[in-house]
Amino acid sequence: MAFEVFLLIQTRVGKVFEVSEKIKSINWIKVAYSVTGPYDIIALAEVDRVDDLESLIKMIHSIDGVERTLTAMVIRKH
């Protein structure tokens, strides 16, 4: 079963589009939007395992210009 995750990302001033393009190139990312408000980018990812989520977050934090992230896992009622 795959996990869907929303990632809310804050970037340094002037880095949003550069960071967004790098995030879009990550395999687990399904879509990433540059947005207004307290976060600069909102991305939707799909991972197969919690370990993949940990790896994804580490990848995002390693991108130059990323300041902070907030991760929200989608919960589905079965």
PDB file of N, CA and C in Angstrom:
ATOM      1  N   MET A   1       0.840  -1.185   0.000  1.00  0.00           N
ATOM      2  CA  MET A   1       0.000   0.000   0.000  1.00  0.00           C
ATOM      3  C   MET A   1       0.884   1.247   0.000  1.00  0.00           C
ATOM      4  N   ALA A   2       0.618   2.152  -0.888  1.00  0.00           N
ATOM      5  CA  ALA A   2       1.394   3.387  -0.984  1.00  0.00           C
ATOM      6  C   ALA A   2       0.825   4.438  -0.032  1.00  0.00           C
ATOM      7  N   PHE A   3       1.703   5.323   0.408  1.00  0.00           N
ATOM      8  CA  PHE A   3       1.318   6.438   1.269  1.00  0.00           C
ATOM      9  C   PHE A   3       1.396   7.721   0.457  1.00  0.00           C
ATOM     10  N   GLU A   4       0.330   8.529   0.527  1.00  0.00           N
ATOM     11  CA  GLU A   4       0.360   9.854  -0.085  1.00  0.00           C
ATOM     12  C   GLU A   4       0.733  10.864   0.992  1.00  0.00           C
ATOM     13  N   VAL A   5       1.573  11.812   0.613  1.00  0.00           N
ATOM     14  CA  VAL A   5       2.095  12.778   1.572  1.00  0.00           C
ATOM     15  C   VAL A   5       2.109  14.163   0.927  1.00  0.00           C
ATOM     16  N   PHE A   6       1.584  15.147   1.657  1.00  0.00           N
ATOM     17  CA  PHE A   6       1.727  16.541   1.235  1.00  0.00           C
ATOM     18  C   PHE A   6       2.930  17.123   1.954  1.00  0.00           C
ATOM     19  N   LEU A   7       3.764  17.822   1.208  1.00  0.00           N
ATOM     20  CA  LEU A   7       4.946  18.476   1.762  1.00  0.00           C
ATOM     21  C   LEU A   7       4.794  19.972   1.548  1.00  0.00           C
ATOM     22  N   LEU A   8       4.823  20.725   2.633  1.00  0.00           N
ATOM     23  CA  LEU A   8       4.750  22.177   2.573  1.00  0.00           C
ATOM     24  C   LEU A   8       6.159  22.685   2.834  1.00  0.00           C
ATOM     25  N   ILE A   9       6.664  23.493   1.916  1.00  0.00           N
ATOM     26  CA  ILE A   9       8.086  23.826   1.919  1.00  0.00           C
ATOM     27  C   ILE A   9       8.278  25.343   1.916  1.00  0.00           C
ATOM     28  N   GLN A  10       9.116  25.821   2.813  1.00  0.00           N
ATOM     29  CA  GLN A  10       9.523  27.226   2.823  1.00  0.00           C
ATOM     30  C   GLN A  10      10.926  27.311   2.234  1.00  0.00           C
ATOM     31  N   THR A  11      11.126  28.321   1.400  1.00  0.00           N
ATOM     32  CA  THR A  11      12.438  28.512   0.766  1.00  0.00           C
ATOM     33  C   THR A  11      13.008  29.884   1.132  1.00  0.00           C
ATOM     34  N   ARG A  12      14.298  30.031   0.893  1.00  0.00           N
ATOM     35  CA  ARG A  12      14.909  31.352   1.038  1.00  0.00           C
ATOM     36  C   ARG A  12      14.380  32.266  -0.072  1.00  0.00           C
ATOM     37  N   VAL A  13      14.400  33.537   0.191  1.00  0.00           N
ATOM     38  CA  VAL A  13      13.930  34.530  -0.774  1.00  0.00           C
ATOM     39  C   VAL A  13      14.679  34.355  -2.102  1.00  0.00           C
ATOM     40  N   GLY A  14      13.911  34.333  -3.183  1.00  0.00           N
ATOM     41  CA  GLY A  14      14.491  34.235  -4.518  1.00  0.00           C
ATOM     42  C   GLY A  14      14.816  32.819  -4.971  1.00  0.00           C
ATOM     43  N   LYS A  15      14.525  31.804  -4.153  1.00  0.00           N
ATOM     44  CA  LYS A  15      14.892  30.422  -4.489  1.00  0.00           C
ATOM     45  C   LYS A  15      13.698  29.542  -4.860  1.00  0.00           C
ATOM     46  N   VAL A  16      12.488  30.077  -4.780  1.00  0.00           N
ATOM     47  CA  VAL A  16      11.312  29.219  -4.912  1.00  0.00           C
ATOM     48  C   VAL A  16      11.264  28.454  -6.231  1.00  0.00           C
ATOM     49  N   PHE A  17      11.525  29.102  -7.349  1.00  0.00           N
ATOM     50  CA  PHE A  17      11.387  28.410  -8.633  1.00  0.00           C
ATOM     51  C   PHE A  17      12.506  27.393  -8.852  1.00  0.00           C
ATOM     52  N   GLU A  18      13.698  27.739  -8.426  1.00  0.00           N
ATOM     53  CA  GLU A  18      14.826  26.808  -8.521  1.00  0.00           C
ATOM     54  C   GLU A  18      14.567  25.563  -7.665  1.00  0.00           C
ATOM     55  N   VAL A  19      14.115  25.776  -6.437  1.00  0.00           N
ATOM     56  CA  VAL A  19      13.819  24.659  -5.540  1.00  0.00           C
ATOM     57  C   VAL A  19      12.670  23.819  -6.094  1.00  0.00           C
ATOM     58  N   SER A  20      11.645  24.475  -6.588  1.00  0.00           N
ATOM     59  CA  SER A  20      10.487  23.772  -7.142  1.00  0.00           C
ATOM     60  C   SER A  20      10.892  22.831  -8.274  1.00  0.00           C
ATOM     61  N   GLU A  21      11.749  23.292  -9.173  1.00  0.00           N
ATOM     62  CA  GLU A  21      12.200  22.443 -10.278  1.00  0.00           C
ATOM     63  C   GLU A  21      12.982  21.231  -9.773  1.00  0.00           C
ATOM     64  N   LYS A  22      13.817  21.432  -8.772  1.00  0.00           N
ATOM     65  CA  LYS A  22      14.576  20.316  -8.216  1.00  0.00           C
ATOM     66  C   LYS A  22      13.665  19.319  -7.526  1.00  0.00           C
ATOM     67  N   ILE A  23      12.659  19.811  -6.832  1.00  0.00           N
ATOM     68  CA  ILE A  23      11.711  18.921  -6.155  1.00  0.00           C
ATOM     69  C   ILE A  23      10.927  18.102  -7.175  1.00  0.00           C
ATOM     70  N   LYS A  24      10.512  18.748  -8.265  1.00  0.00           N
ATOM     71  CA  LYS A  24       9.758  18.044  -9.305  1.00  0.00           C
ATOM     72  C   LYS A  24      10.560  16.906  -9.933  1.00  0.00           C
ATOM     73  N   SER A  25      11.875  16.965  -9.861  1.00  0.00           N
ATOM     74  CA  SER A  25      12.705  15.922 -10.472  1.00  0.00           C
ATOM     75  C   SER A  25      12.859  14.684  -9.573  1.00  0.00           C
ATOM     76  N   ILE A  26      12.386  14.754  -8.344  1.00  0.00           N
ATOM     77  CA  ILE A  26      12.479  13.606  -7.429  1.00  0.00           C
ATOM     78  C   ILE A  26      11.409  12.588  -7.795  1.00  0.00           C
ATOM     79  N   ASN A  27      11.803  11.345  -7.874  1.00  0.00           N
ATOM     80  CA  ASN A  27      10.930  10.277  -8.342  1.00  0.00           C
ATOM     81  C   ASN A  27       9.599  10.163  -7.591  1.00  0.00           C
ATOM     82  N   TRP A  28       9.603  10.325  -6.295  1.00  0.00           N
ATOM     83  CA  TRP A  28       8.380  10.146  -5.499  1.00  0.00           C
ATOM     84  C   TRP A  28       7.407  11.303  -5.627  1.00  0.00           C
ATOM     85  N   ILE A  29       7.850  12.431  -6.145  1.00  0.00           N
ATOM     86  CA  ILE A  29       6.999  13.618  -6.251  1.00  0.00           C
ATOM     87  C   ILE A  29       6.053  13.466  -7.440  1.00  0.00           C
ATOM     88  N   LYS A  30       4.760  13.607  -7.170  1.00  0.00           N
ATOM     89  CA  LYS A  30       3.754  13.523  -8.229  1.00  0.00           C
ATOM     90  C   LYS A  30       3.467  14.891  -8.833  1.00  0.00           C
ATOM     91  N   VAL A  31       3.457  15.931  -7.985  1.00  0.00           N
ATOM     92  CA  VAL A  31       3.197  17.289  -8.440  1.00  0.00           C
ATOM     93  C   VAL A  31       3.762  18.249  -7.400  1.00  0.00           C
ATOM     94  N   ALA A  32       4.206  19.411  -7.850  1.00  0.00           N
ATOM     95  CA  ALA A  32       4.698  20.451  -6.939  1.00  0.00           C
ATOM     96  C   ALA A  32       4.265  21.798  -7.492  1.00  0.00           C
ATOM     97  N   TYR A  33       3.694  22.627  -6.621  1.00  0.00           N
ATOM     98  CA  TYR A  33       3.212  23.943  -7.014  1.00  0.00           C
ATOM     99  C   TYR A  33       3.904  25.016  -6.200  1.00  0.00           C
ATOM    100  N   SER A  34       4.267  26.107  -6.848  1.00  0.00           N
ATOM    101  CA  SER A  34       4.696  27.315  -6.151  1.00  0.00           C
ATOM    102  C   SER A  34       3.413  28.044  -5.763  1.00  0.00           C
ATOM    103  N   VAL A  35       3.326  28.441  -4.493  1.00  0.00           N
ATOM    104  CA  VAL A  35       2.090  29.020  -3.974  1.00  0.00           C
ATOM    105  C   VAL A  35       2.382  30.286  -3.168  1.00  0.00           C
ATOM    106  N   THR A  36       1.333  31.014  -2.839  1.00  0.00           N
ATOM    107  CA  THR A  36       1.444  32.159  -1.946  1.00  0.00           C
ATOM    108  C   THR A  36       1.074  31.723  -0.540  1.00  0.00           C
ATOM    109  N   GLY A  37       1.437  32.520   0.436  1.00  0.00           N
ATOM    110  CA  GLY A  37       1.096  32.214   1.824  1.00  0.00           C
ATOM    111  C   GLY A  37       2.335  31.895   2.627  1.00  0.00           C
ATOM    112  N   PRO A  38       2.156  31.253   3.780  1.00  0.00           N
ATOM    113  CA  PRO A  38       3.292  30.987   4.666  1.00  0.00           C
ATOM    114  C   PRO A  38       4.283  29.969   4.099  1.00  0.00           C
ATOM    115  N   TYR A  39       3.850  29.156   3.144  1.00  0.00           N
ATOM    116  CA  TYR A  39       4.745  28.199   2.485  1.00  0.00           C
ATOM    117  C   TYR A  39       4.901  28.621   1.031  1.00  0.00           C
ATOM    118  N   ASP A  40       6.025  28.275   0.446  1.00  0.00           N
ATOM    119  CA  ASP A  40       6.336  28.674  -0.925  1.00  0.00           C
ATOM    120  C   ASP A  40       6.020  27.598  -1.955  1.00  0.00           C
ATOM    121  N   ILE A  41       6.071  26.347  -1.512  1.00  0.00           N
ATOM    122  CA  ILE A  41       5.831  25.205  -2.406  1.00  0.00           C
ATOM    123  C   ILE A  41       4.971  24.187  -1.660  1.00  0.00           C
ATOM    124  N   ILE A  42       3.994  23.640  -2.365  1.00  0.00           N
ATOM    125  CA  ILE A  42       3.237  22.499  -1.847  1.00  0.00           C
ATOM    126  C   ILE A  42       3.410  21.375  -2.849  1.00  0.00           C
ATOM    127  N   ALA A  43       3.892  20.229  -2.352  1.00  0.00           N
ATOM    128  CA  ALA A  43       4.144  19.082  -3.228  1.00  0.00           C
ATOM    129  C   ALA A  43       3.352  17.882  -2.728  1.00  0.00           C
ATOM    130  N   LEU A  44       2.944  17.036  -3.655  1.00  0.00           N
ATOM    131  CA  LEU A  44       2.301  15.774  -3.332  1.00  0.00           C
ATOM    132  C   LEU A  44       3.249  14.656  -3.733  1.00  0.00           C
ATOM    133  N   ALA A  45       3.516  13.765  -2.793  1.00  0.00           N
ATOM    134  CA  ALA A  45       4.408  12.633  -3.055  1.00  0.00           C
ATOM    135  C   ALA A  45       3.672  11.332  -2.755  1.00  0.00           C
ATOM    136  N   GLU A  46       4.187  10.268  -3.329  1.00  0.00           N
ATOM    137  CA  GLU A  46       3.668   8.933  -3.038  1.00  0.00           C
ATOM    138  C   GLU A  46       4.858   8.016  -2.781  1.00  0.00           C
ATOM    139  N   VAL A  47       4.875   7.422  -1.591  1.00  0.00           N
ATOM    140  CA  VAL A  47       5.962   6.516  -1.214  1.00  0.00           C
ATOM    141  C   VAL A  47       5.375   5.164  -0.840  1.00  0.00           C
ATOM    142  N   ASP A  48       6.173   4.128  -1.008  1.00  0.00           N
ATOM    143  CA  ASP A  48       5.714   2.782  -0.697  1.00  0.00           C
ATOM    144  C   ASP A  48       5.955   2.403   0.761  1.00  0.00           C
ATOM    145  N   ARG A  49       6.975   3.010   1.359  1.00  0.00           N
ATOM    146  CA  ARG A  49       7.349   2.649   2.725  1.00  0.00           C
ATOM    147  C   ARG A  49       7.690   3.903   3.524  1.00  0.00           C
ATOM    148  N   VAL A  50       7.577   3.796   4.827  1.00  0.00           N
ATOM    149  CA  VAL A  50       7.937   4.909   5.700  1.00  0.00           C
ATOM    150  C   VAL A  50       9.419   5.244   5.531  1.00  0.00           C
ATOM    151  N   ASP A  51      10.261   4.244   5.302  1.00  0.00           N
ATOM    152  CA  ASP A  51      11.691   4.495   5.054  1.00  0.00           C
ATOM    153  C   ASP A  51      11.887   5.379   3.825  1.00  0.00           C
ATOM    154  N   ASP A  52      11.032   5.198   2.804  1.00  0.00           N
ATOM    155  CA  ASP A  52      11.106   6.045   1.614  1.00  0.00           C
ATOM    156  C   ASP A  52      10.769   7.488   1.967  1.00  0.00           C
ATOM    157  N   LEU A  53       9.810   7.674   2.859  1.00  0.00           N
ATOM    158  CA  LEU A  53       9.438   9.017   3.284  1.00  0.00           C
ATOM    159  C   LEU A  53      10.611   9.702   3.974  1.00  0.00           C
ATOM    160  N   GLU A  54      11.297   8.969   4.814  1.00  0.00           N
ATOM    161  CA  GLU A  54      12.482   9.519   5.484  1.00  0.00           C
ATOM    162  C   GLU A  54      13.530   9.941   4.453  1.00  0.00           C
ATOM    163  N   SER A  55      13.763   9.097   3.461  1.00  0.00           N
ATOM    164  CA  SER A  55      14.726   9.415   2.401  1.00  0.00           C
ATOM    165  C   SER A  55      14.288  10.641   1.605  1.00  0.00           C
ATOM    166  N   LEU A  56      12.996  10.713   1.299  1.00  0.00           N
ATOM    167  CA  LEU A  56      12.460  11.853   0.552  1.00  0.00           C
ATOM    168  C   LEU A  56      12.676  13.157   1.308  1.00  0.00           C
ATOM    169  N   ILE A  57      12.372  13.162   2.589  1.00  0.00           N
ATOM    170  CA  ILE A  57      12.526  14.379   3.386  1.00  0.00           C
ATOM    171  C   ILE A  57      13.995  14.784   3.453  1.00  0.00           C
ATOM    172  N   LYS A  58      14.886  13.816   3.597  1.00  0.00           N
ATOM    173  CA  LYS A  58      16.319  14.129   3.598  1.00  0.00           C
ATOM    174  C   LYS A  58      16.746  14.730   2.263  1.00  0.00           C
ATOM    175  N   MET A  59      16.226  14.197   1.153  1.00  0.00           N
ATOM    176  CA  MET A  59      16.546  14.743  -0.172  1.00  0.00           C
ATOM    177  C   MET A  59      16.098  16.189  -0.282  1.00  0.00           C
ATOM    178  N   ILE A  60      14.879  16.456   0.162  1.00  0.00           N
ATOM    179  CA  ILE A  60      14.347  17.815   0.062  1.00  0.00           C
ATOM    180  C   ILE A  60      15.166  18.777   0.917  1.00  0.00           C
ATOM    181  N   HIS A  61      15.515  18.357   2.124  1.00  0.00           N
ATOM    182  CA  HIS A  61      16.300  19.229   3.002  1.00  0.00           C
ATOM    183  C   HIS A  61      17.718  19.456   2.483  1.00  0.00           C
ATOM    184  N   SER A  62      18.193  18.593   1.609  1.00  0.00           N
ATOM    185  CA  SER A  62      19.541  18.773   1.058  1.00  0.00           C
ATOM    186  C   SER A  62      19.567  19.760  -0.112  1.00  0.00           C
ATOM    187  N   ILE A  63      18.396  20.164  -0.599  1.00  0.00           N
ATOM    188  CA  ILE A  63      18.327  21.107  -1.723  1.00  0.00           C
ATOM    189  C   ILE A  63      18.670  22.507  -1.219  1.00  0.00           C
ATOM    190  N   ASP A  64      19.617  23.147  -1.901  1.00  0.00           N
ATOM    191  CA  ASP A  64      20.003  24.507  -1.539  1.00  0.00           C
ATOM    192  C   ASP A  64      18.810  25.440  -1.685  1.00  0.00           C
ATOM    193  N   GLY A  65      18.500  26.166  -0.635  1.00  0.00           N
ATOM    194  CA  GLY A  65      17.385  27.110  -0.656  1.00  0.00           C
ATOM    195  C   GLY A  65      16.207  26.665   0.181  1.00  0.00           C
ATOM    196  N   VAL A  66      16.162  25.394   0.560  1.00  0.00           N
ATOM    197  CA  VAL A  66      15.074  24.904   1.418  1.00  0.00           C
ATOM    198  C   VAL A  66      15.361  25.342   2.850  1.00  0.00           C
ATOM    199  N   GLU A  67      14.398  26.014   3.439  1.00  0.00           N
ATOM    200  CA  GLU A  67      14.531  26.496   4.811  1.00  0.00           C
ATOM    201  C   GLU A  67      13.857  25.552   5.807  1.00  0.00           C
ATOM    202  N   ARG A  68      12.630  25.146   5.493  1.00  0.00           N
ATOM    203  CA  ARG A  68      11.827  24.389   6.453  1.00  0.00           C
ATOM    204  C   ARG A  68      10.768  23.606   5.695  1.00  0.00           C
ATOM    205  N   THR A  69      10.360  22.464   6.258  1.00  0.00           N
ATOM    206  CA  THR A  69       9.278  21.689   5.659  1.00  0.00           C
ATOM    207  C   THR A  69       8.272  21.281   6.735  1.00  0.00           C
ATOM    208  N   LEU A  70       7.075  20.991   6.273  1.00  0.00           N
ATOM    209  CA  LEU A  70       6.034  20.412   7.103  1.00  0.00           C
ATOM    210  C   LEU A  70       5.467  19.252   6.304  1.00  0.00           C
ATOM    211  N   THR A  71       5.363  18.098   6.923  1.00  0.00           N
ATOM    212  CA  THR A  71       4.908  16.894   6.237  1.00  0.00           C
ATOM    213  C   THR A  71       3.553  16.486   6.780  1.00  0.00           C
ATOM    214  N   ALA A  72       2.607  16.223   5.879  1.00  0.00           N
ATOM    215  CA  ALA A  72       1.268  15.793   6.276  1.00  0.00           C
ATOM    216  C   ALA A  72       0.895  14.547   5.479  1.00  0.00           C
ATOM    217  N   MET A  73       0.795  13.400   6.182  1.00  0.00           N
ATOM    218  CA  MET A  73       0.448  12.149   5.516  1.00  0.00           C
ATOM    219  C   MET A  73      -1.071  12.064   5.362  1.00  0.00           C
ATOM    220  N   VAL A  74      -1.518  11.647   4.196  1.00  0.00           N
ATOM    221  CA  VAL A  74      -2.952  11.495   3.917  1.00  0.00           C
ATOM    222  C   VAL A  74      -3.453  10.249   4.648  1.00  0.00           C
ATOM    223  N   ILE A  75      -4.579  10.403   5.332  1.00  0.00           N
ATOM    224  CA  ILE A  75      -5.204   9.278   6.039  1.00  0.00           C
ATOM    225  C   ILE A  75      -6.493   8.939   5.308  1.00  0.00           C
ATOM    226  N   ARG A  76      -6.614   7.690   4.937  1.00  0.00           N
ATOM    227  CA  ARG A  76      -7.828   7.233   4.214  1.00  0.00           C
ATOM    228  C   ARG A  76      -8.612   6.272   5.103  1.00  0.00           C
ATOM    229  N   LYS A  77      -9.904   6.448   5.092  1.00  0.00           N
ATOM    230  CA  LYS A  77     -10.802   5.547   5.813  1.00  0.00           C
ATOM    231  C   LYS A  77     -11.097   4.359   4.912  1.00  0.00           C
ATOM    232  N   HIS A  78     -10.914   3.175   5.447  1.00  0.00           N
ATOM    233  CA  HIS A  78     -11.172   1.961   4.627  1.00  0.00           C
ATOM    234  C   HIS A  78     -12.516   1.386   4.909  1.00  0.00           C
TER     235      HIS A  78
END
